[in-house]
Protein backbone atom coordinates (compact mmCIF):
# COMPACT_ATOMS: atom_id res chain seq x y z
CA UNK A 1 -11.83 19.01 -3.27
CA UNK A 2 -8.55 17.51 -3.77
CA UNK A 3 -6.64 16.89 -0.48
CA UNK A 4 -3.65 18.85 -0.21
CA UNK A 5 -1.58 16.07 1.63
CA UNK A 6 -2.30 13.44 -1.18
CA UNK A 7 -0.88 13.79 -4.63
CA UNK A 8 -2.86 13.75 -7.81
CA UNK A 9 -1.89 10.27 -8.97
CA UNK A 10 -2.31 7.30 -6.47
CA UNK A 11 -1.98 3.76 -7.17
CA UNK A 12 -3.73 1.23 -4.84
CA UNK A 13 -2.64 -2.31 -4.26
CA UNK A 14 -5.46 -4.50 -3.25
CA UNK A 15 -8.10 -2.35 -4.73
CA UNK A 16 -10.71 -5.10 -4.72
CA UNK A 17 -10.95 -5.01 -1.10
CA UNK A 18 -13.73 -3.33 0.85
CA UNK A 19 -11.49 -0.75 2.64
CA UNK A 20 -9.17 0.08 -0.42
CA UNK A 21 -11.98 0.43 -2.76
CA UNK A 22 -13.72 2.79 -0.29
CA UNK A 23 -10.74 5.13 -0.16
CA UNK A 24 -10.54 4.97 -4.03
CA UNK A 25 -14.01 6.25 -4.42
CA UNK A 26 -13.39 9.12 -2.07
CA UNK A 27 -10.17 10.11 -3.87
CA UNK A 28 -11.99 9.88 -7.17
CA UNK A 29 -14.59 12.20 -6.05
CA UNK A 30 -12.18 14.68 -4.63
CA UNK A 31 -10.39 14.87 -8.08
CA UNK A 32 -7.44 12.49 -7.69
CA UNK A 33 -6.59 10.01 -10.51
CA UNK A 34 -6.45 6.55 -9.18
CA UNK A 35 -5.10 3.23 -10.56
CA UNK A 36 -5.05 -0.06 -8.84
CA UNK A 37 -4.26 -3.86 -8.85
CA UNK A 38 -5.53 -7.02 -7.13
CA UNK A 39 -4.70 -10.70 -7.29
CA UNK A 40 -8.22 -11.65 -8.61
CA UNK A 41 -11.02 -9.91 -10.36
CA UNK A 42 -14.28 -9.52 -8.44
CA UNK A 43 -17.34 -7.41 -8.44
CA UNK A 44 -15.51 -4.58 -6.68
CA UNK A 45 -12.61 -4.36 -9.26
CA UNK A 46 -15.38 -4.40 -11.94
CA UNK A 47 -17.01 -1.48 -9.97
CA UNK A 48 -13.70 0.44 -9.98
CA UNK A 49 -13.26 0.01 -13.65
CA UNK A 50 -16.72 1.23 -14.41
CA UNK A 51 -15.81 4.44 -12.41
CA UNK A 52 -12.74 4.90 -14.63
CA UNK A 53 -10.12 3.32 -12.58
CA UNK A 54 -7.33 1.57 -14.55
CA UNK A 55 -7.20 -1.91 -12.66
CA UNK A 56 -4.77 -4.52 -13.22
CA UNK A 57 -5.48 -8.11 -12.20
CA UNK A 58 -2.16 -9.79 -11.00
CA UNK A 59 0.78 -7.76 -9.59
CA UNK A 60 3.64 -6.47 -11.88
CA UNK A 61 6.03 -3.67 -11.65
CA UNK A 62 4.58 -1.77 -14.40
CA UNK A 63 1.09 -1.51 -12.87
CA UNK A 64 2.21 1.62 -10.82
CA UNK A 65 2.43 3.69 -14.04
CA UNK A 66 3.12 7.22 -13.27
CA UNK A 67 1.82 7.11 -9.68
CA UNK A 68 3.03 9.72 -7.27
CA UNK A 69 1.94 7.65 -4.33
CA UNK A 70 1.47 3.97 -3.69
CA UNK A 71 -1.00 2.56 -1.09
CA UNK A 72 -0.86 -1.05 -0.07
CA UNK A 73 -3.09 -3.36 2.17
CA UNK A 74 -1.34 -5.31 4.83
CA UNK A 75 -2.79 -8.31 3.06
CA UNK A 76 -0.78 -7.62 -0.14
CA UNK A 77 2.53 -9.50 1.47
CA UNK A 78 3.66 -5.88 1.94
CA UNK A 79 7.31 -5.88 1.15
CA UNK A 80 7.45 -8.79 -1.27
CA UNK A 81 5.01 -7.19 -3.85
CA UNK A 82 6.64 -6.37 -7.21
CA UNK A 83 4.80 -2.98 -7.50
CA UNK A 84 6.15 -1.93 -3.97
CA UNK A 85 9.67 -2.96 -5.06
CA UNK A 86 9.21 -0.84 -8.15
CA UNK A 87 8.04 2.09 -6.32
CA UNK A 88 10.92 1.89 -3.84
CA UNK A 89 13.27 1.61 -6.72
CA UNK A 90 11.72 4.89 -8.35
CA UNK A 91 11.53 6.54 -5.02
CA UNK A 92 7.71 6.70 -5.16
CA UNK A 93 6.43 6.92 -1.51
CA UNK A 94 4.77 3.89 -0.20
CA UNK A 95 2.30 3.77 2.77
CA UNK A 96 -0.28 1.61 4.22
CA UNK A 97 -3.90 1.81 4.06
CA UNK A 98 -4.37 3.19 7.60
CA UNK A 99 -1.85 5.95 6.86
CA UNK A 100 -3.87 6.99 3.71
CA UNK A 101 -7.06 7.05 6.12
CA UNK A 102 -5.14 9.19 8.44
CA UNK A 103 -4.49 11.60 5.53
CA UNK A 104 -8.29 11.65 4.76
CA UNK A 105 -9.09 12.53 8.23
CA UNK A 106 -6.59 15.28 8.39
CA UNK A 107 -8.34 18.65 8.95
CA UNK A 108 -11.84 17.16 9.53
CA UNK A 109 -13.60 16.43 12.79
CA UNK A 110 -13.12 12.71 12.96
CA UNK A 111 -15.14 9.95 14.58
CA UNK A 112 -13.42 6.53 14.88
CA UNK A 113 -15.21 3.31 16.10
CA UNK A 114 -12.85 0.42 17.38
CA UNK A 115 -13.67 -2.87 18.96
CA UNK A 116 -13.64 -6.61 18.23
CA UNK A 117 -17.30 -6.62 17.58
CA UNK A 118 -19.87 -4.06 16.56
CA UNK A 119 -17.59 -1.75 14.54
CA UNK A 120 -19.42 -1.79 11.41
CA UNK A 121 -22.82 -1.44 12.77
CA UNK A 122 -21.98 1.25 15.09
CA UNK A 123 -19.82 3.37 12.64
CA UNK A 124 -22.54 2.98 9.99
CA UNK A 125 -25.13 4.04 12.35
CA UNK A 126 -23.25 7.29 13.18
CA UNK A 127 -22.68 8.04 9.49
CA UNK A 128 -26.36 7.60 8.87
CA UNK A 129 -27.14 9.88 11.77
CA UNK A 130 -24.90 12.72 10.28
CA UNK A 131 -26.49 12.13 6.73
CA UNK A 132 -30.01 12.34 8.18
CA UNK A 133 -28.84 15.51 9.91
CA UNK A 134 -27.91 16.96 6.57
CA UNK A 135 -24.16 17.35 7.45
CA UNK A 136 -22.81 15.61 4.44
CA UNK A 137 -20.17 13.49 6.26
CA UNK A 138 -17.15 11.67 4.62
CA UNK A 139 -17.28 8.04 5.78
CA UNK A 140 -15.37 4.68 5.36
CA UNK A 141 -17.16 1.75 6.87
CA UNK A 142 -16.04 -1.91 6.71
CA UNK A 143 -19.32 -3.16 5.15
CA UNK A 144 -22.10 -1.70 3.11
CA UNK A 145 -24.63 0.16 5.16
CA UNK A 146 -28.07 -0.56 3.90
CA UNK A 147 -29.75 2.77 4.46
CA UNK A 148 -26.67 4.54 2.79
CA UNK A 149 -26.43 2.09 -0.11
CA UNK A 150 -22.57 2.05 0.15
CA UNK A 151 -19.78 1.73 2.75
CA UNK A 152 -18.05 4.96 1.77
CA UNK A 153 -18.83 8.70 0.57
CA UNK A 154 -16.94 11.78 -0.30
CA UNK A 155 -18.85 14.23 1.87
CA UNK A 156 -18.23 18.02 1.81
CA UNK A 157 -19.07 18.54 5.44
CA UNK A 158 -16.53 18.74 8.41
CA UNK A 159 -17.28 15.23 9.72
CA UNK A 160 -15.46 12.05 8.87
CA UNK A 161 -16.50 8.66 10.27
CA UNK A 162 -14.10 5.70 10.13
CA UNK A 163 -14.26 2.18 11.23
CA UNK A 164 -11.04 1.88 13.02
CA UNK A 165 -9.62 -1.72 12.46
CA UNK A 166 -7.14 -3.14 14.97
CA UNK A 167 -5.63 -5.56 12.21
CA UNK A 168 -2.03 -4.88 11.72
CA UNK A 169 -2.34 -2.11 14.41
CA UNK A 170 -4.12 -0.02 11.72
CA UNK A 171 -6.05 2.13 14.29
CA UNK A 172 -2.78 3.36 15.85
CA UNK A 173 -2.47 5.60 12.69
CA UNK A 174 -5.45 7.72 13.82
CA UNK A 175 -5.89 10.56 16.41
CA UNK A 176 -9.73 10.99 16.29
CA UNK A 177 -11.63 13.76 17.86
CA UNK A 178 -14.23 11.08 19.15
CA UNK A 179 -13.13 7.53 19.74
CA UNK A 180 -15.69 4.66 20.48
CA UNK A 181 -14.41 1.37 21.73
CA UNK A 182 -17.12 -1.34 21.67
CA UNK A 183 -15.21 -4.27 23.37
CA UNK A 184 -11.85 -6.00 23.42
CA UNK A 185 -11.64 -9.85 22.86
CA UNK A 186 -9.00 -12.25 21.58
CA UNK A 187 -8.66 -11.63 17.81
CA UNK A 188 -5.96 -11.13 15.29
CA UNK A 189 -3.49 -12.76 17.61
CA UNK A 190 -1.47 -13.76 14.48
CA UNK A 191 -0.49 -10.21 14.67
CA UNK A 192 -0.45 -9.41 18.42
CA UNK A 193 0.63 -12.88 19.75
CA UNK A 194 -0.70 -12.11 23.28
CA UNK A 195 -3.70 -10.67 24.72
CA UNK A 196 -1.52 -8.26 26.75
CA UNK A 197 -0.12 -6.89 23.52
CA UNK A 198 -3.75 -6.56 21.96
CA UNK A 199 -4.92 -4.59 25.17
CA UNK A 200 -1.84 -2.43 25.04
CA UNK A 201 -2.82 -1.51 21.58
CA UNK A 202 -6.42 -0.55 22.37
CA UNK A 203 -4.89 1.53 25.20
CA UNK A 204 -2.64 3.32 22.84
CA UNK A 205 -5.60 4.01 20.55
CA UNK A 206 -7.47 5.41 23.56
CA UNK A 207 -4.29 7.49 24.35
CA UNK A 208 -4.31 8.89 20.80
CA UNK A 209 -7.39 10.90 21.41
CA UNK A 210 -6.23 14.46 21.98
CA UNK A 211 -6.83 16.39 25.24
CA UNK A 212 -9.93 18.28 23.76
CA UNK A 213 -11.27 15.00 22.40
CA UNK A 214 -13.91 12.49 23.56
CA UNK A 215 -13.55 8.85 24.48
CA UNK A 216 -16.65 6.71 24.62
CA UNK A 217 -16.17 3.05 25.90
CA UNK A 218 -18.57 0.21 26.65
CA UNK A 219 -18.70 -0.36 30.37
CA UNK A 220 -20.12 -4.06 29.90
CA UNK A 221 -16.54 -5.00 28.77
CA UNK A 222 -14.20 -5.91 31.70
CA UNK A 223 -11.09 -4.96 29.73
CA UNK A 224 -12.64 -1.64 28.89
CA UNK A 225 -13.77 -1.05 32.39
CA UNK A 226 -10.21 -1.55 33.64
CA UNK A 227 -8.75 0.58 30.89
CA UNK A 228 -11.15 3.55 31.59
CA UNK A 229 -11.03 3.15 35.37
CA UNK A 230 -7.34 3.21 35.41
CA UNK A 231 -7.13 6.50 33.29
CA UNK A 232 -3.49 5.23 32.37
CA UNK A 233 -2.42 7.26 29.33
CA UNK A 234 -5.83 8.72 28.51
CA UNK A 235 -5.46 12.32 27.65
CA UNK A 236 -9.16 13.17 26.57
CA UNK A 237 -10.92 15.43 28.93
CA UNK A 238 -14.25 13.97 28.18
CA UNK A 239 -14.43 10.13 29.02
CA UNK A 240 -17.98 8.59 28.71
CA UNK A 241 -19.17 4.92 29.11
CA UNK A 242 -22.18 3.24 27.92
CA UNK A 243 -23.68 -0.12 29.37
CA UNK A 244 -26.67 -2.45 29.63
CA UNK A 245 -25.36 -4.34 32.63
CA UNK A 246 -23.20 -1.98 34.48
CA UNK A 247 -23.17 1.60 35.83
CA UNK A 248 -22.18 3.96 33.02
CA UNK A 249 -22.82 7.39 31.71
CA UNK A 250 -25.26 6.03 29.20
CA UNK A 251 -27.65 3.27 30.06
CA UNK A 252 -30.64 1.61 28.58
CA UNK A 253 -33.69 -0.19 30.13
CA UNK A 254 -34.91 -3.49 29.18
CA UNK A 255 -35.67 -3.49 25.53
CA UNK A 256 -39.27 -4.19 24.51
CA UNK A 257 -40.06 -6.21 21.38
CA UNK A 258 -41.96 -4.41 18.67
CA UNK A 259 -43.35 -5.37 15.42
CA UNK A 260 -40.19 -4.19 13.60
CA UNK A 261 -37.29 -4.31 16.06
CA UNK A 262 -37.22 -3.21 19.61
CA UNK A 263 -37.88 -0.10 21.85
CA UNK A 264 -35.83 1.00 25.00
CA UNK A 265 -35.50 3.96 27.30
CA UNK A 266 -32.13 5.81 27.55
CA UNK A 267 -30.64 7.50 30.67
CA UNK A 268 -27.70 9.77 30.44
CA UNK A 269 -25.82 10.50 33.71
CA UNK A 270 -28.82 9.08 35.64
CA UNK A 271 -31.37 11.22 33.86
CA UNK A 272 -33.99 10.39 31.38
CA UNK A 273 -32.75 10.92 27.81
CA UNK A 274 -35.81 9.60 26.02
CA UNK A 275 -37.26 6.49 24.12
CA UNK A 276 -35.80 5.05 21.07
CA UNK A 277 -36.42 2.40 18.71
CA UNK A 278 -34.30 0.32 16.37
CA UNK A 279 -35.16 -2.26 13.65
CA UNK A 280 -32.15 -4.41 14.47
CA UNK A 281 -32.68 -7.55 16.32
CA UNK A 282 -30.44 -8.66 19.39
CA UNK A 283 -29.56 -7.08 22.76
CA UNK A 284 -26.07 -6.52 21.39
CA UNK A 285 -27.64 -4.06 18.82
CA UNK A 286 -29.27 -2.06 21.76
CA UNK A 287 -25.60 -1.61 23.02
CA UNK A 288 -24.43 -0.58 19.71
CA UNK A 289 -27.31 1.90 19.45
CA UNK A 290 -26.30 3.34 22.80
CA UNK A 291 -22.80 4.12 21.43
CA UNK A 292 -24.25 5.83 18.52
CA UNK A 293 -26.61 7.87 20.78
CA UNK A 294 -23.61 8.87 22.95
CA UNK A 295 -21.56 9.98 20.05
CA UNK A 296 -24.51 11.89 18.41
CA UNK A 297 -25.23 13.80 21.57
CA UNK A 298 -21.37 14.43 22.08
CA UNK A 299 -21.14 16.17 18.75
CA UNK A 300 -24.39 18.14 19.29
CA UNK A 301 -26.79 16.38 17.09
CA UNK A 302 -30.45 17.33 17.91
CA UNK A 303 -32.15 14.48 19.95
CA UNK A 304 -35.01 14.20 17.55
CA UNK A 305 -32.58 13.66 14.64
CA UNK A 306 -30.78 11.00 16.72
CA UNK A 307 -34.10 9.23 17.49
CA UNK A 308 -35.28 9.52 13.86
CA UNK A 309 -32.05 8.07 12.43
CA UNK A 310 -32.14 5.05 14.95
CA UNK A 311 -35.58 4.38 13.91
CA UNK A 312 -34.66 4.33 10.18
CA UNK A 313 -31.37 2.66 10.39
CA UNK A 314 -31.34 -0.88 8.88
CA UNK A 315 -27.80 -2.06 9.80
CA UNK A 316 -25.03 -3.33 7.51
CA UNK A 317 -24.99 -6.01 4.88
CA UNK A 318 -24.52 -9.56 5.92
CA UNK A 319 -25.63 -8.88 9.60
CA UNK A 320 -28.28 -11.64 10.08
CA UNK A 321 -29.62 -10.84 6.62
CA UNK A 322 -32.71 -12.63 5.00
CA UNK A 323 -31.66 -13.96 1.76
CA UNK A 324 -34.78 -15.60 0.53
CA UNK A 325 -37.32 -18.40 0.88
CA UNK A 326 -37.65 -21.61 -1.39
CA UNK A 327 -39.36 -24.93 -0.71
CA UNK A 328 -40.62 -23.97 2.69
CA UNK A 329 -36.79 -23.28 3.72
CA UNK A 330 -35.77 -19.86 5.12
CA UNK A 331 -32.29 -18.79 4.07
CA UNK A 332 -30.16 -16.42 6.17
CA UNK A 333 -26.56 -15.00 6.10
CA UNK A 334 -24.34 -13.54 8.75
CA UNK A 335 -20.83 -12.21 8.82
CA UNK A 336 -20.01 -13.64 12.32
CA UNK A 337 -16.24 -15.10 12.31
CA UNK A 338 -15.54 -15.07 15.95
CA UNK A 339 -17.04 -17.41 18.58
CA UNK A 340 -18.63 -14.55 20.45
CA UNK A 341 -20.46 -13.40 17.40
CA UNK A 342 -21.40 -16.90 16.36
CA UNK A 343 -23.07 -17.32 19.87
CA UNK A 344 -25.03 -14.09 19.21
CA UNK A 345 -26.10 -15.24 15.73
CA UNK A 346 -27.33 -18.52 17.06
CA UNK A 347 -29.20 -16.74 19.87
CA UNK A 348 -30.81 -14.31 17.42
CA UNK A 349 -31.77 -17.15 15.18
CA UNK A 350 -33.32 -19.17 18.00
CA UNK A 351 -35.28 -16.09 19.28
CA UNK A 352 -36.58 -15.22 15.60
CA UNK A 353 -37.29 -18.94 14.50
CA UNK A 354 -38.22 -20.64 17.71
CA UNK A 355 -38.12 -24.51 17.39
CA UNK A 356 -37.50 -24.62 13.61
CA UNK A 357 -34.63 -26.83 12.75
CA UNK A 358 -31.42 -24.50 12.33
CA UNK A 359 -29.11 -25.71 9.67
CA UNK A 360 -25.73 -23.77 9.45
CA UNK A 361 -22.79 -23.64 7.14
CA UNK A 362 -19.69 -22.11 8.79
CA UNK A 363 -16.83 -20.99 6.78
CA UNK A 364 -13.69 -20.38 9.13
CA UNK A 365 -11.66 -17.26 8.38
CA UNK A 366 -8.11 -17.91 8.59
CA UNK A 367 -6.11 -20.82 9.93
CA UNK A 368 -4.64 -18.99 12.72
CA UNK A 369 -7.95 -17.57 14.07
CA UNK A 370 -9.19 -21.17 14.15
CA UNK A 371 -6.26 -22.40 16.13
CA UNK A 372 -6.02 -19.77 18.88
CA UNK A 373 -9.67 -19.61 19.38
CA UNK A 374 -10.28 -23.57 19.27
CA UNK A 375 -11.54 -23.88 22.82
CA UNK A 376 -14.30 -21.36 22.07
CA UNK A 377 -15.17 -22.87 18.74
CA UNK A 378 -15.83 -26.25 20.41
CA UNK A 379 -18.84 -24.85 22.06
CA UNK A 380 -20.12 -21.67 20.33
CA UNK A 381 -22.39 -23.39 17.83
CA UNK A 382 -24.61 -24.74 20.54
CA UNK A 383 -28.30 -24.40 19.59
CA UNK A 384 -27.69 -25.32 15.99
CA UNK A 385 -29.37 -28.62 14.85
CA UNK A 386 -27.16 -29.55 11.99
CA UNK A 387 -23.73 -27.86 11.49
CA UNK A 388 -21.56 -28.14 8.31
CA UNK A 389 -18.10 -26.56 8.04
CA UNK A 390 -16.75 -25.62 4.69
CA UNK A 391 -13.08 -25.21 3.72
CA UNK A 392 -11.34 -22.22 5.38
CA UNK A 393 -11.22 -18.89 3.86
CA UNK A 394 -7.43 -18.38 3.93
CA UNK A 395 -7.16 -14.68 3.32
CA UNK A 396 -3.43 -13.87 3.74
CA UNK A 397 -2.53 -17.22 5.19
CA UNK A 398 -1.34 -20.62 4.44
CA UNK A 399 -2.45 -23.83 6.09
CA UNK A 400 0.65 -24.00 8.17
CA UNK A 401 -0.48 -20.86 10.16
CA UNK A 402 -2.91 -22.94 12.24
CA UNK A 403 -5.75 -25.39 11.92
CA UNK A 404 -7.87 -26.39 8.96
CA UNK A 405 -11.60 -26.86 8.48
CA UNK A 406 -11.72 -30.65 8.73
CA UNK A 407 -9.86 -30.46 12.12
CA UNK A 408 -12.34 -27.86 13.36
CA UNK A 409 -15.33 -30.00 12.30
CA UNK A 410 -13.70 -32.95 14.27
CA UNK A 411 -13.13 -30.73 17.31
CA UNK A 412 -16.75 -29.13 17.74
CA UNK A 413 -18.25 -30.63 20.68
CA UNK A 414 -21.98 -29.65 20.07
CA UNK A 415 -23.48 -30.26 17.80
CA UNK A 416 -21.65 -32.78 15.89
CA UNK A 417 -20.27 -31.08 12.79
CA UNK A 418 -19.74 -32.42 9.39
CA UNK A 419 -16.79 -31.22 7.02
CA UNK A 420 -18.47 -30.21 3.84
CA UNK A 421 -15.44 -29.41 1.59
CA UNK A 422 -15.54 -26.53 -1.03
CA UNK A 423 -18.41 -24.05 -1.09
CA UNK A 424 -19.74 -25.61 -4.19
CA UNK A 425 -19.71 -29.05 -2.63
CA UNK A 426 -21.32 -27.70 0.60
CA UNK A 427 -24.07 -26.02 -1.38
CA UNK A 428 -24.91 -29.26 -3.29
CA UNK A 429 -24.90 -31.28 -0.24
CA UNK A 430 -26.91 -29.01 1.88
CA UNK A 431 -29.66 -28.43 -0.77
CA UNK A 432 -30.07 -32.00 -0.82
CA UNK A 433 -30.67 -32.46 2.83
CA UNK A 434 -32.80 -29.45 3.67
CA UNK A 435 -36.47 -30.03 4.21
CA UNK A 436 -39.55 -27.82 4.44
CA UNK A 437 -39.58 -25.85 7.64
CA UNK A 438 -35.78 -25.51 8.01
CA UNK A 439 -33.82 -22.41 8.49
CA UNK A 440 -30.42 -22.35 6.59
CA UNK A 441 -27.87 -19.80 7.71
CA UNK A 442 -24.41 -19.15 6.22
CA UNK A 443 -22.01 -17.85 8.69
CA UNK A 444 -18.49 -16.45 7.98
CA UNK A 445 -16.39 -13.28 6.85
CA UNK A 446 -15.10 -14.83 3.66
CA UNK A 447 -17.23 -15.66 0.67
CA UNK A 448 -19.74 -18.22 2.23
CA UNK A 449 -22.54 -15.78 1.47
CA UNK A 450 -22.52 -17.06 -2.26
CA UNK A 451 -23.90 -20.37 -1.00
CA UNK A 452 -27.36 -19.14 -0.02
CA UNK A 453 -28.45 -18.04 -3.47
CA UNK A 454 -27.18 -21.41 -4.85
CA UNK A 455 -29.09 -23.37 -2.37
CA UNK A 456 -32.23 -21.39 -2.93
CA UNK A 457 -31.78 -21.89 -6.73
CA UNK A 458 -31.46 -25.85 -5.97
CA UNK A 459 -34.44 -25.74 -3.81
CA UNK A 460 -36.51 -23.90 -6.63
CA UNK A 461 -35.53 -26.18 -9.21
CA UNK A 462 -36.45 -29.31 -7.01
CA UNK A 463 -39.87 -27.94 -6.48
CA UNK A 464 -40.47 -26.98 -10.11
């Protein structure tokens, strides 16, 4: 089912990334010919090659071959890339990732999930609901969804679910039929510079929803309460809210712990909507579930389908994920890379593991984020017994963009933090200091998840 607004041959710069590889898989399934490039080989580029994609490691003008369209991530140093320069010289159209996603959305009923936190879990839940309903959706999620076994699929149905990222204002390329906004907090200020500019971008995303569309926003978030309350620029005729702590269209009662997850009662516009269960831990995931329930009901899914999908949903990879056990040590991993997310992760760890000693390795994600959120980083690790901080995952940045990991370690007020150097250095040091009964958790959005398996292997060798 080749898309009419996308030419046959497409070249993708940054194909080793989660978003770009997701687009590539969809285009391949729809009959397009794909080539790609990235700075470094990884498991994703290897997976692309297994699917028949010609992947070049390193960027060079000849990599674009006979492409009729070039797509690039914002992380590819957009206008300085030699492949982009060559495409412009040949007058081959060049677009950013977000515009390509918008083309995939064209002609389908689109559901887009935006927000500082909870996007992946919520968009993955909605995609899972649609799959469970037998509606064969297309979806592009920012992380692998456990129950789906992937982060992207080329469905033949009318629905498409997209995780709408605010980085580089990507989500402003979308005009979804259903928009969900989970929250608005300080993030990506390397792009936006000020909170006012960030809030304005979310307001524009909300305004992009067409008049016959649906906007679903979390009323527990003060910035979203103001956005929805003012109504400024919002065209959608249907505006719904959801919340645990404030009045809203959709609310949930106090969650009740169960052997696997938690149960809660839902009310819609003040009327009982039913009881639901989710396997996911944490109050924040009840909030994410409410967003999914609201979206499912809005598009007309059967209530029993929604209930069954929630009960079977196991979330996204790297969200408070159990990695393994060795030497009496439990190893966990979490994607948290913002102080609010770190606090939530620490709270979940304390709730799950009680008074066991919590040892954490945090990998900061970008120098700029460390700098503009420094005051929050000082205190968000409270509850951890031993904190190590690894070298920063730089992504698209150089150290001059902000604050490094050693400086962050010195700035953390509680607990006292130790700078641990590279991930290999951190793994060796921590493996030597863990003891039976400890819980070790790796935290961050970079490649810190590689440390857990190394630590487990060291512990197993030590106990052999």
